[in-house]
Amino acid sequence: MKGGGGERKVVVCALQFTCTVDVTTNVATAERLVRAAHRKGAQIILIQDTYSVRRRGMTSSVMPSLTMVIQPLRDGTDLGLYRKSHIPDGPGYQDKFYFNPADTGFKVFNTKYGKIGVAICWDQWFPEATRGMVLQGAEVLLYPTAIGSEPQDLGPHSRKLEALTIETEHGNSDITFYNNSFSAGLTGDIVASAGDKEEAVLLAEFDLDKVKSKRHSWSEFQDRRPDLYKALLTLDGRA
């Protein structure tokens, strides 16, 4: 943790690289980039979703569960486990054929460099996940993702909303994964971003004390009305 005089500065890093069908190669690439990020001062490092999974030609018997293990950069101690809560099902993304939605709930992990909340891929489209983690004290939110073009629909394009991987997957339909990994600040402004074709070690520094101060000044949490939000606990909005 950098800084003094009331500052709590942390350097967050997102990695972006091309994945292959060879898991060993992908893990070696991830290790190389993690070490490079550490040399550049990274304290919290996020590796992209499914980098250690053989993606093409997978069957249900070899598909692992979707998990995220949080561990400090230096001593390697596992702090906990989060399993993906929201599972997509549609053209090009038949994840429900392989996975069941997890029941770990949304978690926040207390690390040396701050409190970290983690959600995976499709989870990012559900604001309830983000709000739940922040209410638990999350100071940094991590979203490893692997989403790309919509092969059945050439109209809407979600690339600007994603932080993804570099590859094209071939199967029942072709999907080009978006890349463009990014880090965003408290107001949603992009503070660091990668291109759509290159390998990247993307670093951004945040002052967690300033984030906390701004969040309190907006009164978004003090003025909440949980007693009126019962409809959010239902599937059809009937409170």
C-alpha atoms as a PDB file:
ATOM      1  CA  MET A   1       0.000   0.000   0.000  1.00  0.00           C
ATOM      2  CA  LYS A   2       1.494   3.306  -1.091  1.00  0.00           C
ATOM      3  CA  GLY A   3       1.253   6.771   0.316  1.00  0.00           C
ATOM      4  CA  GLY A   4       1.011   8.433   3.674  1.00  0.00           C
ATOM      5  CA  GLY A   5      -0.836  11.220   5.391  1.00  0.00           C
ATOM      6  CA  GLY A   6      -4.214   9.570   5.073  1.00  0.00           C
ATOM      7  CA  GLU A   7      -3.701   8.199   1.561  1.00  0.00           C
ATOM      8  CA  ARG A   8      -4.293   4.531   0.755  1.00  0.00           C
ATOM      9  CA  LYS A   9      -3.058   4.144  -2.792  1.00  0.00           C
ATOM     10  CA  VAL A  10      -3.230   0.772  -4.512  1.00  0.00           C
ATOM     11  CA  VAL A  11      -2.002  -0.317  -7.950  1.00  0.00           C
ATOM     12  CA  VAL A  12      -4.449  -2.598  -9.749  1.00  0.00           C
ATOM     13  CA  CYS A  13      -3.502  -4.558 -12.865  1.00  0.00           C
ATOM     14  CA  ALA A  14      -5.589  -6.314 -15.520  1.00  0.00           C
ATOM     15  CA  LEU A  15      -3.874  -8.797 -17.821  1.00  0.00           C
ATOM     16  CA  GLN A  16      -4.893  -9.357 -21.442  1.00  0.00           C
ATOM     17  CA  PHE A  17      -3.435 -12.022 -23.706  1.00  0.00           C
ATOM     18  CA  THR A  18      -4.240 -14.508 -26.440  1.00  0.00           C
ATOM     19  CA  CYS A  19      -5.398 -17.918 -25.252  1.00  0.00           C
ATOM     20  CA  THR A  20      -4.737 -21.152 -27.121  1.00  0.00           C
ATOM     21  CA  VAL A  21      -6.212 -24.644 -26.859  1.00  0.00           C
ATOM     22  CA  ASP A  22      -3.171 -25.654 -24.795  1.00  0.00           C
ATOM     23  CA  VAL A  23      -3.745 -25.028 -21.094  1.00  0.00           C
ATOM     24  CA  THR A  24      -0.049 -25.299 -20.215  1.00  0.00           C
ATOM     25  CA  THR A  25       0.794 -22.533 -22.675  1.00  0.00           C
ATOM     26  CA  ASN A  26      -1.937 -20.277 -21.287  1.00  0.00           C
ATOM     27  CA  VAL A  27      -0.808 -20.767 -17.688  1.00  0.00           C
ATOM     28  CA  ALA A  28       2.805 -20.046 -18.680  1.00  0.00           C
ATOM     29  CA  THR A  29       1.720 -16.833 -20.413  1.00  0.00           C
ATOM     30  CA  ALA A  30      -0.272 -15.791 -17.371  1.00  0.00           C
ATOM     31  CA  GLU A  31       2.702 -16.419 -15.086  1.00  0.00           C
ATOM     32  CA  ARG A  32       5.013 -14.404 -17.340  1.00  0.00           C
ATOM     33  CA  LEU A  33       2.637 -11.440 -17.337  1.00  0.00           C
ATOM     34  CA  VAL A  34       1.962 -11.654 -13.589  1.00  0.00           C
ATOM     35  CA  ARG A  35       5.699 -11.422 -12.971  1.00  0.00           C
ATOM     36  CA  ALA A  36       5.946  -8.485 -15.382  1.00  0.00           C
ATOM     37  CA  ALA A  37       3.071  -6.744 -13.610  1.00  0.00           C
ATOM     38  CA  HIS A  38       4.718  -7.269 -10.238  1.00  0.00           C
ATOM     39  CA  ARG A  39       7.942  -5.711 -11.507  1.00  0.00           C
ATOM     40  CA  LYS A  40       5.909  -2.672 -12.567  1.00  0.00           C
ATOM     41  CA  GLY A  41       4.467  -2.278  -9.083  1.00  0.00           C
ATOM     42  CA  ALA A  42       1.118  -4.076  -9.359  1.00  0.00           C
ATOM     43  CA  GLN A  43      -0.397  -5.057  -6.012  1.00  0.00           C
ATOM     44  CA  ILE A  44      -3.709  -6.529  -7.169  1.00  0.00           C
ATOM     45  CA  ILE A  45      -3.629  -8.533 -10.412  1.00  0.00           C
ATOM     46  CA  LEU A  46      -6.624  -9.789 -12.386  1.00  0.00           C
ATOM     47  CA  ILE A  47      -6.213 -12.591 -14.925  1.00  0.00           C
ATOM     48  CA  GLN A  48      -8.842 -12.978 -17.631  1.00  0.00           C
ATOM     49  CA  ASP A  49     -11.708 -15.453 -17.394  1.00  0.00           C
ATOM     50  CA  THR A  50     -11.207 -19.076 -18.582  1.00  0.00           C
ATOM     51  CA  TYR A  51      -7.512 -18.585 -19.383  1.00  0.00           C
ATOM     52  CA  SER A  52      -6.697 -22.001 -17.864  1.00  0.00           C
ATOM     53  CA  VAL A  53      -9.573 -23.866 -19.540  1.00  0.00           C
ATOM     54  CA  ARG A  54      -9.399 -25.801 -22.787  1.00  0.00           C
ATOM     55  CA  ARG A  55     -12.188 -23.951 -24.605  1.00  0.00           C
ATOM     56  CA  ARG A  56     -12.559 -25.622 -27.982  1.00  0.00           C
ATOM     57  CA  GLY A  57     -13.951 -29.119 -28.199  1.00  0.00           C
ATOM     58  CA  MET A  58     -14.953 -29.174 -24.535  1.00  0.00           C
ATOM     59  CA  THR A  59     -17.464 -31.652 -23.199  1.00  0.00           C
ATOM     60  CA  SER A  60     -19.356 -31.616 -19.938  1.00  0.00           C
ATOM     61  CA  SER A  61     -16.990 -34.216 -18.532  1.00  0.00           C
ATOM     62  CA  VAL A  62     -13.958 -31.938 -18.807  1.00  0.00           C
ATOM     63  CA  MET A  63     -15.536 -28.563 -18.095  1.00  0.00           C
ATOM     64  CA  PRO A  64     -14.458 -27.303 -14.667  1.00  0.00           C
ATOM     65  CA  SER A  65     -16.714 -25.325 -12.384  1.00  0.00           C
ATOM     66  CA  LEU A  66     -16.337 -21.573 -12.706  1.00  0.00           C
ATOM     67  CA  THR A  67     -14.360 -20.357  -9.735  1.00  0.00           C
ATOM     68  CA  MET A  68     -12.271 -17.426  -8.654  1.00  0.00           C
ATOM     69  CA  VAL A  69      -9.631 -17.923  -5.976  1.00  0.00           C
ATOM     70  CA  ILE A  70      -8.359 -14.792  -4.297  1.00  0.00           C
ATOM     71  CA  GLN A  71      -4.818 -14.869  -3.014  1.00  0.00           C
ATOM     72  CA  PRO A  72      -2.220 -12.314  -1.950  1.00  0.00           C
ATOM     73  CA  LEU A  73       0.535 -11.626  -4.465  1.00  0.00           C
ATOM     74  CA  ARG A  74       3.424 -12.699  -2.254  1.00  0.00           C
ATOM     75  CA  ASP A  75       2.566 -15.520   0.186  1.00  0.00           C
ATOM     76  CA  GLY A  76       0.086 -17.445  -1.986  1.00  0.00           C
ATOM     77  CA  THR A  77      -2.448 -18.113   0.772  1.00  0.00           C
ATOM     78  CA  ASP A  78      -5.961 -18.735  -0.538  1.00  0.00           C
ATOM     79  CA  LEU A  79      -8.421 -16.313   1.022  1.00  0.00           C
ATOM     80  CA  GLY A  80     -11.625 -17.723  -0.387  1.00  0.00           C
ATOM     81  CA  LEU A  81     -13.679 -18.903  -3.295  1.00  0.00           C
ATOM     82  CA  TYR A  82     -16.408 -17.366  -5.426  1.00  0.00           C
ATOM     83  CA  ARG A  83     -18.467 -19.276  -7.975  1.00  0.00           C
ATOM     84  CA  LYS A  84     -20.260 -17.612 -10.867  1.00  0.00           C
ATOM     85  CA  SER A  85     -23.862 -16.794  -9.977  1.00  0.00           C
ATOM     86  CA  HIS A  86     -25.420 -15.869 -13.335  1.00  0.00           C
ATOM     87  CA  ILE A  87     -25.138 -18.371 -16.196  1.00  0.00           C
ATOM     88  CA  PRO A  88     -26.003 -17.216 -19.751  1.00  0.00           C
ATOM     89  CA  ASP A  89     -27.953 -19.252 -22.280  1.00  0.00           C
ATOM     90  CA  GLY A  90     -28.315 -18.130 -25.877  1.00  0.00           C
ATOM     91  CA  PRO A  91     -26.780 -18.393 -29.378  1.00  0.00           C
ATOM     92  CA  GLY A  92     -23.040 -18.797 -28.984  1.00  0.00           C
ATOM     93  CA  TYR A  93     -23.229 -18.998 -25.184  1.00  0.00           C
ATOM     94  CA  GLN A  94     -24.754 -22.297 -24.099  1.00  0.00           C
ATOM     95  CA  ASP A  95     -23.175 -22.217 -20.659  1.00  0.00           C
ATOM     96  CA  LYS A  96     -26.211 -23.701 -18.944  1.00  0.00           C
ATOM     97  CA  PHE A  97     -25.506 -26.935 -20.809  1.00  0.00           C
ATOM     98  CA  TYR A  98     -22.326 -27.230 -18.731  1.00  0.00           C
ATOM     99  CA  PHE A  99     -22.926 -25.282 -15.519  1.00  0.00           C
ATOM    100  CA  ASN A 100     -25.448 -24.732 -12.785  1.00  0.00           C
ATOM    101  CA  PRO A 101     -25.715 -21.292 -11.155  1.00  0.00           C
ATOM    102  CA  ALA A 102     -23.633 -21.270  -7.985  1.00  0.00           C
ATOM    103  CA  ASP A 103     -24.895 -20.536  -4.495  1.00  0.00           C
ATOM    104  CA  THR A 104     -21.784 -19.094  -2.834  1.00  0.00           C
ATOM    105  CA  GLY A 105     -23.341 -15.641  -2.839  1.00  0.00           C
ATOM    106  CA  PHE A 106     -21.375 -12.476  -3.500  1.00  0.00           C
ATOM    107  CA  LYS A 107     -18.290 -12.154  -1.371  1.00  0.00           C
ATOM    108  CA  VAL A 108     -15.752  -9.560  -0.343  1.00  0.00           C
ATOM    109  CA  PHE A 109     -12.199 -10.574   0.517  1.00  0.00           C
ATOM    110  CA  ASN A 110     -10.057  -8.602   2.952  1.00  0.00           C
ATOM    111  CA  THR A 111      -6.556  -8.396   1.501  1.00  0.00           C
ATOM    112  CA  LYS A 112      -3.392  -6.555   2.429  1.00  0.00           C
ATOM    113  CA  TYR A 113      -4.150  -3.931  -0.201  1.00  0.00           C
ATOM    114  CA  GLY A 114      -7.854  -3.408   0.328  1.00  0.00           C
ATOM    115  CA  LYS A 115     -11.227  -5.141   0.313  1.00  0.00           C
ATOM    116  CA  ILE A 116     -11.874  -6.867  -3.007  1.00  0.00           C
ATOM    117  CA  GLY A 117     -15.180  -7.969  -4.508  1.00  0.00           C
ATOM    118  CA  VAL A 118     -15.167 -10.449  -7.383  1.00  0.00           C
ATOM    119  CA  ALA A 119     -17.827 -11.356  -9.933  1.00  0.00           C
ATOM    120  CA  ILE A 120     -17.377 -13.316 -13.159  1.00  0.00           C
ATOM    121  CA  CYS A 121     -18.339 -12.478 -16.737  1.00  0.00           C
ATOM    122  CA  TRP A 122     -22.161 -12.460 -17.093  1.00  0.00           C
ATOM    123  CA  ASP A 123     -22.421 -11.412 -13.428  1.00  0.00           C
ATOM    124  CA  GLN A 124     -21.354  -7.899 -14.440  1.00  0.00           C
ATOM    125  CA  TRP A 125     -24.671  -7.212 -16.173  1.00  0.00           C
ATOM    126  CA  PHE A 126     -26.597  -7.520 -12.918  1.00  0.00           C
ATOM    127  CA  PRO A 127     -26.338  -4.370 -10.751  1.00  0.00           C
ATOM    128  CA  GLU A 128     -27.535  -6.313  -7.708  1.00  0.00           C
ATOM    129  CA  ALA A 129     -24.170  -8.113  -7.660  1.00  0.00           C
ATOM    130  CA  THR A 130     -22.212  -4.871  -7.622  1.00  0.00           C
ATOM    131  CA  ARG A 131     -24.388  -3.248  -4.983  1.00  0.00           C
ATOM    132  CA  GLY A 132     -24.227  -6.354  -2.790  1.00  0.00           C
ATOM    133  CA  MET A 133     -20.435  -6.400  -2.822  1.00  0.00           C
ATOM    134  CA  VAL A 134     -20.121  -2.660  -2.141  1.00  0.00           C
ATOM    135  CA  LEU A 135     -22.555  -2.917   0.767  1.00  0.00           C
ATOM    136  CA  GLN A 136     -20.226  -5.562   2.189  1.00  0.00           C
ATOM    137  CA  GLY A 137     -17.382  -3.066   2.044  1.00  0.00           C
ATOM    138  CA  ALA A 138     -15.741  -3.787  -1.312  1.00  0.00           C
ATOM    139  CA  GLU A 139     -13.285  -1.053  -2.314  1.00  0.00           C
ATOM    140  CA  VAL A 140     -12.136  -2.647  -5.573  1.00  0.00           C
ATOM    141  CA  LEU A 141     -14.385  -4.687  -7.898  1.00  0.00           C
ATOM    142  CA  LEU A 142     -12.845  -7.275 -10.231  1.00  0.00           C
ATOM    143  CA  TYR A 143     -14.658  -8.711 -13.252  1.00  0.00           C
ATOM    144  CA  PRO A 144     -12.746 -11.340 -15.227  1.00  0.00           C
ATOM    145  CA  THR A 145     -14.760 -11.832 -18.410  1.00  0.00           C
ATOM    146  CA  ALA A 146     -14.853 -13.771 -21.674  1.00  0.00           C
ATOM    147  CA  ILE A 147     -17.585 -12.372 -23.880  1.00  0.00           C
ATOM    148  CA  GLY A 148     -17.474 -11.486 -27.539  1.00  0.00           C
ATOM    149  CA  SER A 149     -19.464 -10.780 -30.645  1.00  0.00           C
ATOM    150  CA  GLU A 150     -23.060 -11.920 -30.961  1.00  0.00           C
ATOM    151  CA  PRO A 151     -23.029 -14.270 -33.994  1.00  0.00           C
ATOM    152  CA  GLN A 152     -26.821 -14.237 -34.296  1.00  0.00           C
ATOM    153  CA  ASP A 153     -27.175 -10.458 -34.099  1.00  0.00           C
ATOM    154  CA  LEU A 154     -24.892  -8.063 -35.943  1.00  0.00           C
ATOM    155  CA  GLY A 155     -26.645  -4.990 -34.549  1.00  0.00           C
ATOM    156  CA  PRO A 156     -26.027  -4.322 -30.842  1.00  0.00           C
ATOM    157  CA  HIS A 157     -22.377  -4.311 -29.849  1.00  0.00           C
ATOM    158  CA  SER A 158     -21.396  -4.608 -26.196  1.00  0.00           C
ATOM    159  CA  ARG A 159     -17.643  -4.258 -26.567  1.00  0.00           C
ATOM    160  CA  LYS A 160     -17.477  -0.919 -24.756  1.00  0.00           C
ATOM    161  CA  LEU A 161     -19.093  -2.572 -21.742  1.00  0.00           C
ATOM    162  CA  GLU A 162     -16.696  -5.498 -21.538  1.00  0.00           C
ATOM    163  CA  ALA A 163     -13.134  -6.215 -20.450  1.00  0.00           C
ATOM    164  CA  LEU A 164     -12.251  -9.366 -22.302  1.00  0.00           C
ATOM    165  CA  THR A 165      -9.786 -11.740 -23.924  1.00  0.00           C
ATOM    166  CA  ILE A 166      -8.081 -12.055 -27.311  1.00  0.00           C
ATOM    167  CA  GLU A 167      -9.143 -14.971 -29.452  1.00  0.00           C
ATOM    168  CA  THR A 168     -11.747 -16.280 -31.860  1.00  0.00           C
ATOM    169  CA  GLU A 169     -13.621 -19.415 -30.868  1.00  0.00           C
ATOM    170  CA  HIS A 170     -14.989 -21.724 -33.552  1.00  0.00           C
ATOM    171  CA  GLY A 171     -17.826 -24.166 -32.985  1.00  0.00           C
ATOM    172  CA  ASN A 172     -21.519 -24.013 -33.780  1.00  0.00           C
ATOM    173  CA  SER A 173     -20.919 -20.309 -34.337  1.00  0.00           C
ATOM    174  CA  ASP A 174     -17.869 -18.078 -34.563  1.00  0.00           C
ATOM    175  CA  ILE A 175     -17.273 -15.652 -31.702  1.00  0.00           C
ATOM    176  CA  THR A 176     -14.601 -12.967 -31.720  1.00  0.00           C
ATOM    177  CA  PHE A 177     -13.688 -12.068 -28.166  1.00  0.00           C
ATOM    178  CA  TYR A 178     -13.493  -8.330 -27.665  1.00  0.00           C
ATOM    179  CA  ASN A 179     -10.311  -7.592 -25.709  1.00  0.00           C
ATOM    180  CA  ASN A 180     -10.262  -3.864 -24.746  1.00  0.00           C
ATOM    181  CA  SER A 181      -9.653  -4.639 -21.074  1.00  0.00           C
ATOM    182  CA  PHE A 182     -10.023  -1.568 -18.886  1.00  0.00           C
ATOM    183  CA  SER A 183     -10.013  -0.095 -15.400  1.00  0.00           C
ATOM    184  CA  ALA A 184     -12.690   2.393 -14.361  1.00  0.00           C
ATOM    185  CA  GLY A 185     -12.813   4.895 -11.535  1.00  0.00           C
ATOM    186  CA  LEU A 186     -15.560   5.698  -9.041  1.00  0.00           C
ATOM    187  CA  THR A 187     -17.653   7.653 -11.550  1.00  0.00           C
ATOM    188  CA  GLY A 188     -17.280   5.072 -14.314  1.00  0.00           C
ATOM    189  CA  ASP A 189     -14.613   6.994 -16.194  1.00  0.00           C
ATOM    190  CA  ILE A 190     -12.071   4.780 -17.970  1.00  0.00           C
ATOM    191  CA  VAL A 191      -8.675   5.442 -16.378  1.00  0.00           C
ATOM    192  CA  ALA A 192      -6.699   2.790 -18.275  1.00  0.00           C
ATOM    193  CA  SER A 193      -7.549   0.664 -21.300  1.00  0.00           C
ATOM    194  CA  ALA A 194      -5.961  -1.812 -23.686  1.00  0.00           C
ATOM    195  CA  GLY A 195      -6.412  -2.201 -27.428  1.00  0.00           C
ATOM    196  CA  ASP A 196      -8.282  -4.974 -29.175  1.00  0.00           C
ATOM    197  CA  LYS A 197      -5.345  -6.910 -30.608  1.00  0.00           C
ATOM    198  CA  GLU A 198      -2.328  -6.666 -28.339  1.00  0.00           C
ATOM    199  CA  GLU A 199      -1.134  -8.385 -25.196  1.00  0.00           C
ATOM    200  CA  ALA A 200      -1.354  -5.981 -22.267  1.00  0.00           C
ATOM    201  CA  VAL A 201      -0.297  -5.433 -18.670  1.00  0.00           C
ATOM    202  CA  LEU A 202      -2.731  -2.704 -17.738  1.00  0.00           C
ATOM    203  CA  LEU A 203      -1.993  -0.744 -14.546  1.00  0.00           C
ATOM    204  CA  ALA A 204      -4.067   1.865 -12.738  1.00  0.00           C
ATOM    205  CA  GLU A 205      -3.559   3.518  -9.358  1.00  0.00           C
ATOM    206  CA  PHE A 206      -6.434   4.366  -7.022  1.00  0.00           C
ATOM    207  CA  ASP A 207      -6.555   6.228  -3.725  1.00  0.00           C
ATOM    208  CA  LEU A 208      -9.024   4.196  -1.667  1.00  0.00           C
ATOM    209  CA  ASP A 209      -9.422   6.928   0.946  1.00  0.00           C
ATOM    210  CA  LYS A 210     -10.510   9.422  -1.729  1.00  0.00           C
ATOM    211  CA  VAL A 211     -12.938   6.860  -3.134  1.00  0.00           C
ATOM    212  CA  LYS A 212     -14.429   6.368   0.322  1.00  0.00           C
ATOM    213  CA  SER A 213     -14.738  10.104   0.921  1.00  0.00           C
ATOM    214  CA  LYS A 214     -16.511  10.747  -2.393  1.00  0.00           C
ATOM    215  CA  ARG A 215     -18.852   7.818  -1.879  1.00  0.00           C
ATOM    216  CA  HIS A 216     -19.928   9.158   1.516  1.00  0.00           C
ATOM    217  CA  SER A 217     -20.414  12.688   0.198  1.00  0.00           C
ATOM    218  CA  TRP A 218     -22.982  11.475  -2.353  1.00  0.00           C
ATOM    219  CA  SER A 219     -25.196   9.880   0.344  1.00  0.00           C
ATOM    220  CA  GLU A 220     -26.131   7.008  -1.962  1.00  0.00           C
ATOM    221  CA  PHE A 221     -25.915   4.495   0.863  1.00  0.00           C
ATOM    222  CA  GLN A 222     -27.270   6.625   3.686  1.00  0.00           C
ATOM    223  CA  ASP A 223     -30.442   7.363   1.696  1.00  0.00           C
ATOM    224  CA  ARG A 224     -31.199   3.815   0.600  1.00  0.00           C
ATOM    225  CA  ARG A 225     -34.685   2.404   1.297  1.00  0.00           C
ATOM    226  CA  PRO A 226     -34.316  -1.408   1.556  1.00  0.00           C
ATOM    227  CA  ASP A 227     -37.880  -1.630   2.879  1.00  0.00           C
ATOM    228  CA  LEU A 228     -39.101  -0.572  -0.586  1.00  0.00           C
ATOM    229  CA  TYR A 229     -36.935  -2.963  -2.567  1.00  0.00           C
ATOM    230  CA  LYS A 230     -38.853  -6.188  -1.946  1.00  0.00           C
ATOM    231  CA  ALA A 231     -39.717  -6.487  -5.642  1.00  0.00           C
ATOM    232  CA  LEU A 232     -36.009  -7.091  -6.310  1.00  0.00           C
ATOM    233  CA  LEU A 233     -36.259 -10.354  -4.386  1.00  0.00           C
ATOM    234  CA  THR A 234     -38.801 -11.757  -6.879  1.00  0.00           C
ATOM    235  CA  LEU A 235     -38.576 -12.927 -10.483  1.00  0.00           C
ATOM    236  CA  ASP A 236     -41.659 -11.068 -11.693  1.00  0.00           C
ATOM    237  CA  GLY A 237     -41.540  -7.851  -9.664  1.00  0.00           C
ATOM    238  CA  ARG A 238     -44.451  -8.736  -7.420  1.00  0.00           C
ATOM    239  CA  ALA A 239     -43.486  -7.607  -3.941  1.00  0.00           C
END
